[in-house]
Protein backbone atom coordinates (compact mmCIF):
# COMPACT_ATOMS: atom_id res chain seq x y z
CA UNK A 1 38.13 -4.07 214.82
CA UNK A 2 35.05 -3.08 212.89
CA UNK A 3 36.09 -5.22 209.94
CA UNK A 4 36.22 -8.32 212.15
CA UNK A 5 32.74 -7.69 213.46
CA UNK A 6 31.36 -7.27 209.96
CA UNK A 7 32.47 -10.81 209.14
CA UNK A 8 31.27 -12.38 212.35
CA UNK A 9 34.74 -12.95 213.74
CA UNK A 10 35.32 -13.06 217.54
CA UNK A 11 36.94 -10.08 219.01
CA UNK A 12 39.54 -12.29 220.76
CA UNK A 13 41.92 -14.64 218.98
CA UNK A 14 41.58 -18.41 219.68
CA UNK A 15 45.25 -18.48 220.51
CA UNK A 16 44.37 -17.00 223.93
CA UNK A 17 41.86 -19.69 224.95
CA UNK A 18 42.14 -20.78 228.62
CA UNK A 19 44.59 -23.55 229.40
CA UNK A 20 43.39 -27.18 229.73
CA UNK A 21 45.08 -30.20 231.18
CA UNK A 22 44.39 -31.99 227.92
CA UNK A 23 46.24 -30.98 224.79
CA UNK A 24 43.73 -29.05 222.75
CA UNK A 25 44.30 -28.19 219.11
CA UNK A 26 44.47 -24.50 218.51
CA UNK A 27 43.03 -22.99 215.41
CA UNK A 28 44.11 -19.54 214.20
CA UNK A 29 41.59 -17.65 212.12
CA UNK A 30 42.58 -14.61 210.10
CA UNK A 31 39.95 -12.38 208.57
CA UNK A 32 40.73 -9.80 205.96
CA UNK A 33 38.72 -7.48 203.83
CA UNK A 34 39.54 -5.10 201.02
CA UNK A 35 37.70 -1.88 200.57
CA UNK A 36 37.98 0.57 197.73
CA UNK A 37 37.46 4.20 198.53
CA UNK A 38 37.28 6.87 195.80
CA UNK A 39 38.74 10.25 196.81
CA UNK A 40 36.24 13.01 197.12
CA UNK A 41 36.71 15.84 194.66
CA UNK A 42 38.10 18.97 196.23
CA UNK A 43 37.30 22.46 195.11
CA UNK A 44 40.91 23.49 195.65
CA UNK A 45 42.36 20.45 193.95
CA UNK A 46 45.35 21.30 191.72
CA UNK A 47 45.02 19.82 188.26
CA UNK A 48 48.26 19.45 186.27
CA UNK A 49 47.92 18.89 182.57
CA UNK A 50 50.88 18.04 180.34
CA UNK A 51 51.57 20.78 177.81
CA UNK A 52 54.00 20.94 174.92
CA UNK A 53 56.33 23.88 175.23
CA UNK A 54 58.29 25.07 172.25
CA UNK A 55 61.42 27.09 172.84
CA UNK A 56 63.27 29.02 170.17
CA UNK A 57 66.92 28.34 169.74
CA UNK A 58 68.65 31.50 170.98
CA UNK A 59 71.50 30.98 168.52
CA UNK A 60 69.60 30.25 165.33
CA UNK A 61 67.89 33.38 163.97
CA UNK A 62 64.24 33.35 162.99
CA UNK A 63 64.03 33.40 159.21
CA UNK A 64 61.14 35.32 157.73
CA UNK A 65 58.92 33.32 155.47
CA UNK A 66 58.73 36.05 152.86
CA UNK A 67 60.39 35.20 149.59
CA UNK A 68 62.33 37.38 147.17
CA UNK A 69 60.57 40.19 145.29
CA UNK A 70 58.92 39.18 142.06
CA UNK A 71 60.12 40.45 138.71
CA UNK A 72 57.55 43.26 138.57
CA UNK A 73 57.25 43.75 142.31
CA UNK A 74 56.16 47.33 143.19
CA UNK A 75 58.99 47.53 145.73
CA UNK A 76 61.46 47.45 142.82
CA UNK A 77 59.70 50.12 140.76
CA UNK A 78 60.50 53.84 140.80
CA UNK A 79 57.85 56.29 141.88
CA UNK A 80 57.55 59.97 140.97
CA UNK A 81 58.79 60.80 144.46
CA UNK A 82 61.89 58.68 143.87
CA UNK A 83 62.55 60.37 140.54
CA UNK A 84 62.09 63.83 142.05
CA UNK A 85 64.68 63.17 144.75
CA UNK A 86 67.18 61.75 142.28
CA UNK A 87 66.67 64.77 140.02
CA UNK A 88 67.21 67.04 143.03
CA UNK A 89 70.42 65.23 143.98
CA UNK A 90 71.79 65.31 140.44
CA UNK A 91 70.96 69.01 140.09
CA UNK A 92 72.69 69.80 143.38
CA UNK A 93 75.81 67.91 142.28
CA UNK A 94 75.80 69.56 138.86
CA UNK A 95 75.72 73.10 140.25
CA UNK A 96 78.33 72.19 142.84
CA UNK A 97 80.65 70.91 140.11
CA UNK A 98 79.96 73.98 137.93
CA UNK A 99 80.77 76.30 140.80
CA UNK A 100 84.01 74.40 141.44
CA UNK A 101 85.10 74.81 137.82
CA UNK A 102 84.19 78.52 137.66
CA UNK A 103 85.94 79.40 140.93
CA UNK A 104 89.00 77.36 139.93
CA UNK A 105 89.12 79.11 136.56
CA UNK A 106 88.87 82.56 138.15
CA UNK A 107 91.66 81.78 140.60
CA UNK A 108 93.75 79.83 138.07
CA UNK A 109 93.83 76.94 140.53
CA UNK A 110 93.40 73.53 138.91
CA UNK A 111 95.77 71.09 140.55
CA UNK A 112 94.51 71.46 144.13
CA UNK A 113 90.81 70.93 143.29
CA UNK A 114 91.73 67.85 141.26
CA UNK A 115 93.72 66.37 144.14
CA UNK A 116 90.86 67.22 146.50
CA UNK A 117 88.45 65.50 144.12
CA UNK A 118 90.58 62.36 144.10
CA UNK A 119 90.71 62.42 147.91
CA UNK A 120 86.91 62.68 147.95
CA UNK A 121 86.69 59.68 145.60
CA UNK A 122 88.88 57.56 147.91
CA UNK A 123 87.02 58.71 151.01
CA UNK A 124 83.68 57.80 149.42
CA UNK A 125 84.92 54.26 148.85
CA UNK A 126 86.11 54.05 152.46
CA UNK A 127 82.85 55.44 153.85
CA UNK A 128 80.81 52.99 151.77
CA UNK A 129 82.82 50.15 153.30
CA UNK A 130 82.41 51.40 156.87
CA UNK A 131 78.68 51.88 156.37
CA UNK A 132 78.28 48.48 154.70
CA UNK A 133 80.22 46.79 157.52
CA UNK A 134 78.08 48.41 160.21
CA UNK A 135 74.80 47.57 158.49
CA UNK A 136 75.84 43.94 157.91
CA UNK A 137 76.99 43.29 161.47
CA UNK A 138 74.90 45.32 163.90
CA UNK A 139 71.24 46.09 164.55
CA UNK A 140 68.08 44.64 163.10
CA UNK A 141 64.82 45.72 161.50
CA UNK A 142 63.72 47.47 164.71
CA UNK A 143 66.82 49.69 164.92
CA UNK A 144 65.85 53.38 164.79
CA UNK A 145 66.68 55.26 161.54
CA UNK A 146 68.68 52.39 160.00
CA UNK A 147 66.24 49.51 160.58
CA UNK A 148 64.84 49.36 157.05
CA UNK A 149 68.34 49.55 155.56
CA UNK A 150 69.60 46.74 157.81
CA UNK A 151 66.64 44.59 156.81
CA UNK A 152 67.26 45.41 153.15
CA UNK A 153 70.94 44.45 153.30
CA UNK A 154 70.04 41.17 155.04
CA UNK A 155 67.63 40.39 152.22
CA UNK A 156 70.31 41.38 149.73
CA UNK A 157 72.62 38.67 151.04
CA UNK A 158 69.92 36.06 150.55
CA UNK A 159 68.75 37.34 147.15
CA UNK A 160 71.64 39.49 145.81
CA UNK A 161 70.38 39.36 142.23
CA UNK A 162 67.28 41.41 143.11
CA UNK A 163 69.39 44.59 143.14
CA UNK A 164 69.83 44.25 139.38
CA UNK A 165 66.04 44.49 139.00
CA UNK A 166 65.63 47.70 140.93
CA UNK A 167 64.93 50.68 138.77
CA UNK A 168 67.44 53.50 138.80
CA UNK A 169 65.54 56.03 140.93
CA UNK A 170 64.26 53.33 143.28
CA UNK A 171 67.84 52.35 144.01
CA UNK A 172 69.23 55.86 144.55
CA UNK A 173 66.45 58.05 145.96
CA UNK A 174 67.37 57.66 149.65
CA UNK A 175 70.99 58.64 149.07
CA UNK A 176 69.95 61.44 146.70
CA UNK A 177 67.74 62.95 149.39
CA UNK A 178 70.60 62.91 151.90
CA UNK A 179 73.03 64.42 149.39
CA UNK A 180 70.61 67.24 148.58
CA UNK A 181 70.29 68.31 152.20
CA UNK A 182 74.04 67.94 152.86
CA UNK A 183 75.66 69.45 149.77
CA UNK A 184 73.27 72.31 149.04
CA UNK A 185 74.22 74.40 152.13
CA UNK A 186 77.95 73.87 151.40
CA UNK A 187 77.41 74.89 147.79
CA UNK A 188 75.67 78.10 148.85
CA UNK A 189 78.05 79.13 151.64
CA UNK A 190 81.46 77.97 150.40
CA UNK A 191 83.48 79.55 147.57
CA UNK A 192 86.70 77.55 148.00
CA UNK A 193 87.31 75.42 144.87
CA UNK A 194 89.32 72.88 146.87
CA UNK A 195 86.52 72.25 149.34
CA UNK A 196 83.94 72.33 146.56
CA UNK A 197 85.91 69.81 144.51
CA UNK A 198 86.30 67.48 147.48
CA UNK A 199 82.64 67.67 148.50
CA UNK A 200 81.31 67.28 144.95
CA UNK A 201 83.33 64.17 144.15
CA UNK A 202 82.79 62.52 147.54
CA UNK A 203 79.04 63.23 147.55
CA UNK A 204 78.62 62.15 143.93
CA UNK A 205 80.34 58.81 144.49
CA UNK A 206 78.30 58.16 147.63
CA UNK A 207 75.05 59.00 145.88
CA UNK A 208 75.78 56.65 142.97
CA UNK A 209 77.42 53.94 145.12
CA UNK A 210 74.28 51.81 145.10
CA UNK A 211 74.25 51.86 141.30
CA UNK A 212 77.93 50.86 141.25
CA UNK A 213 76.92 48.10 143.64
CA UNK A 214 74.12 46.96 141.34
CA UNK A 215 76.48 46.89 138.37
CA UNK A 216 78.87 44.66 140.35
CA UNK A 217 76.08 42.05 140.44
CA UNK A 218 75.38 42.23 136.73
CA UNK A 219 76.92 40.15 133.96
CA UNK A 220 79.28 41.81 131.53
CA UNK A 221 77.14 40.93 128.53
CA UNK A 222 74.25 42.94 129.99
CA UNK A 223 76.23 45.96 131.20
CA UNK A 224 77.10 49.07 129.16
CA UNK A 225 80.55 48.81 127.63
CA UNK A 226 81.69 51.98 129.44
CA UNK A 227 80.75 50.44 132.79
CA UNK A 228 82.64 47.25 131.96
CA UNK A 229 85.69 49.28 130.97
CA UNK A 230 85.60 51.25 134.24
CA UNK A 231 85.25 48.03 136.22
CA UNK A 232 88.18 46.44 134.43
CA UNK A 233 90.27 49.56 135.05
CA UNK A 234 89.47 49.46 138.79
CA UNK A 235 87.60 52.77 138.74
CA UNK A 236 84.37 51.02 139.75
CA UNK A 237 84.03 47.93 141.92
CA UNK A 238 83.98 44.82 139.75
CA UNK A 239 81.84 41.71 139.90
CA UNK A 240 84.90 39.55 140.63
CA UNK A 241 85.98 41.65 143.59
CA UNK A 242 82.55 42.12 145.13
CA UNK A 243 81.58 38.46 144.74
CA UNK A 244 84.09 37.66 147.49
CA UNK A 245 81.86 39.55 149.92
CA UNK A 246 78.99 37.14 149.17
CA UNK A 247 81.01 34.05 150.09
CA UNK A 248 81.57 32.70 153.64
CA UNK A 249 82.54 34.04 156.10
CA UNK A 250 81.01 37.27 154.67
CA UNK A 251 83.44 39.57 156.48
CA UNK A 252 85.55 41.17 153.73
CA UNK A 253 85.32 43.41 150.64
CA UNK A 254 82.76 45.80 152.11
CA UNK A 255 83.65 48.82 149.95
CA UNK A 256 81.36 49.28 146.93
CA UNK A 257 82.50 52.42 145.08
CA UNK A 258 85.82 51.37 143.58
CA UNK A 259 86.82 48.65 146.03
CA UNK A 260 90.29 50.22 146.19
CA UNK A 261 90.22 50.35 149.99
CA UNK A 262 89.26 46.70 150.43
CA UNK A 263 92.77 45.30 150.19
CA UNK A 264 94.14 47.69 152.83
CA UNK A 265 91.20 47.19 155.21
CA UNK A 266 91.17 43.39 154.91
CA UNK A 267 94.92 42.90 155.02
CA UNK A 268 95.28 45.01 158.17
CA UNK A 269 92.11 43.57 159.76
CA UNK A 270 90.74 47.04 160.42
CA UNK A 271 87.14 45.93 160.78
CA UNK A 272 88.12 43.02 163.02
CA UNK A 273 89.90 45.47 165.33
CA UNK A 274 86.80 47.69 165.42
CA UNK A 275 84.66 44.66 166.24
CA UNK A 276 86.92 43.79 169.18
CA UNK A 277 86.75 47.36 170.50
CA UNK A 278 82.95 47.41 170.27
CA UNK A 279 82.70 44.00 171.93
CA UNK A 280 84.92 44.89 174.90
CA UNK A 281 83.40 48.34 175.36
CA UNK A 282 79.72 47.56 174.75
CA UNK A 283 79.52 43.76 174.89
CA UNK A 284 77.93 43.56 171.43
CA UNK A 285 78.97 40.73 169.12
CA UNK A 286 78.97 41.29 165.35
CA UNK A 287 77.11 38.87 163.13
CA UNK A 288 80.35 37.93 161.36
CA UNK A 289 81.51 36.10 164.52
CA UNK A 290 78.69 33.57 164.28
CA UNK A 291 78.23 30.71 161.88
CA UNK A 292 76.31 32.01 158.86
CA UNK A 293 72.62 31.18 159.12
CA UNK A 294 70.23 30.52 156.29
CA UNK A 295 69.51 34.23 155.96
CA UNK A 296 73.07 34.63 154.60
CA UNK A 297 72.99 31.73 152.16
CA UNK A 298 72.30 32.90 148.65
CA UNK A 299 69.30 31.41 146.90
CA UNK A 300 69.30 30.70 143.20
CA UNK A 301 67.42 32.99 140.90
CA UNK A 302 64.75 30.75 139.43
CA UNK A 303 63.30 33.42 137.17
CA UNK A 304 65.03 33.38 133.82
CA UNK A 305 66.16 35.34 132.04
CA UNK A 306 67.49 37.87 134.54
CA UNK A 307 66.73 41.42 133.47
CA UNK A 308 68.78 44.44 134.46
CA UNK A 309 66.65 47.59 134.68
CA UNK A 310 68.23 51.04 134.44
């Protein structure tokens, strides 16, 4: 071995010395050496560096860091565009109601338009609940057409008191624009007082539903006495009834016009049945099936006093 030669050791072991008639002591010599060899760097050497990987919990939603709107936040203020659309919607409803009254007077038909108007009032409450349920449970900010409304309703659950700070036209302009484009053609083409009565009442309640909703978050001492009286009579949704929607598990009392349909819908689990159908047909789970995250937990209004703007 080369190592043995480096240390001057014989290439043969002394244990193999030739035999002798005399007993000869045998000595065994062991040579060892330790060498340290550094590996040569390779151009193709794979270098593995530890890295910290952060994974998002797929169950817990990402909560935006943005806080609630400030008292004088521009997003709560009415613009001239908002006021123009609300004026357009109110004008459309006024002429639709006037036409209903004139046609009913000419035909001496009063009972049927009144019944139709009541049916429109009930349907508006039902439609507000269906819409509210869909917005609360499905889609997100990136959903086409409804994305901004979904995001707004999510923020409303976290900061419900901000709706009382929205100015009147700011709160209603989107619905007023839709009502203008929907009701105006019917008003022009239809001369039936029953249909006109139904459409006018239904469209009017839908257009003002967001204001009824805002009133349901206000305190009685800061609301007009007429509004309080209508809430107490059950004509408009009351604060007591709607507050149940803002308590866990956030899956009831969706209707925001009068709230008259809430008892029937909740008692018969209508929305739960619809959720099951959607889940089995499309595989989409509603948000109400999951544990409420922090985006649903109401935060306290730290700005005092709270001001209701009309």
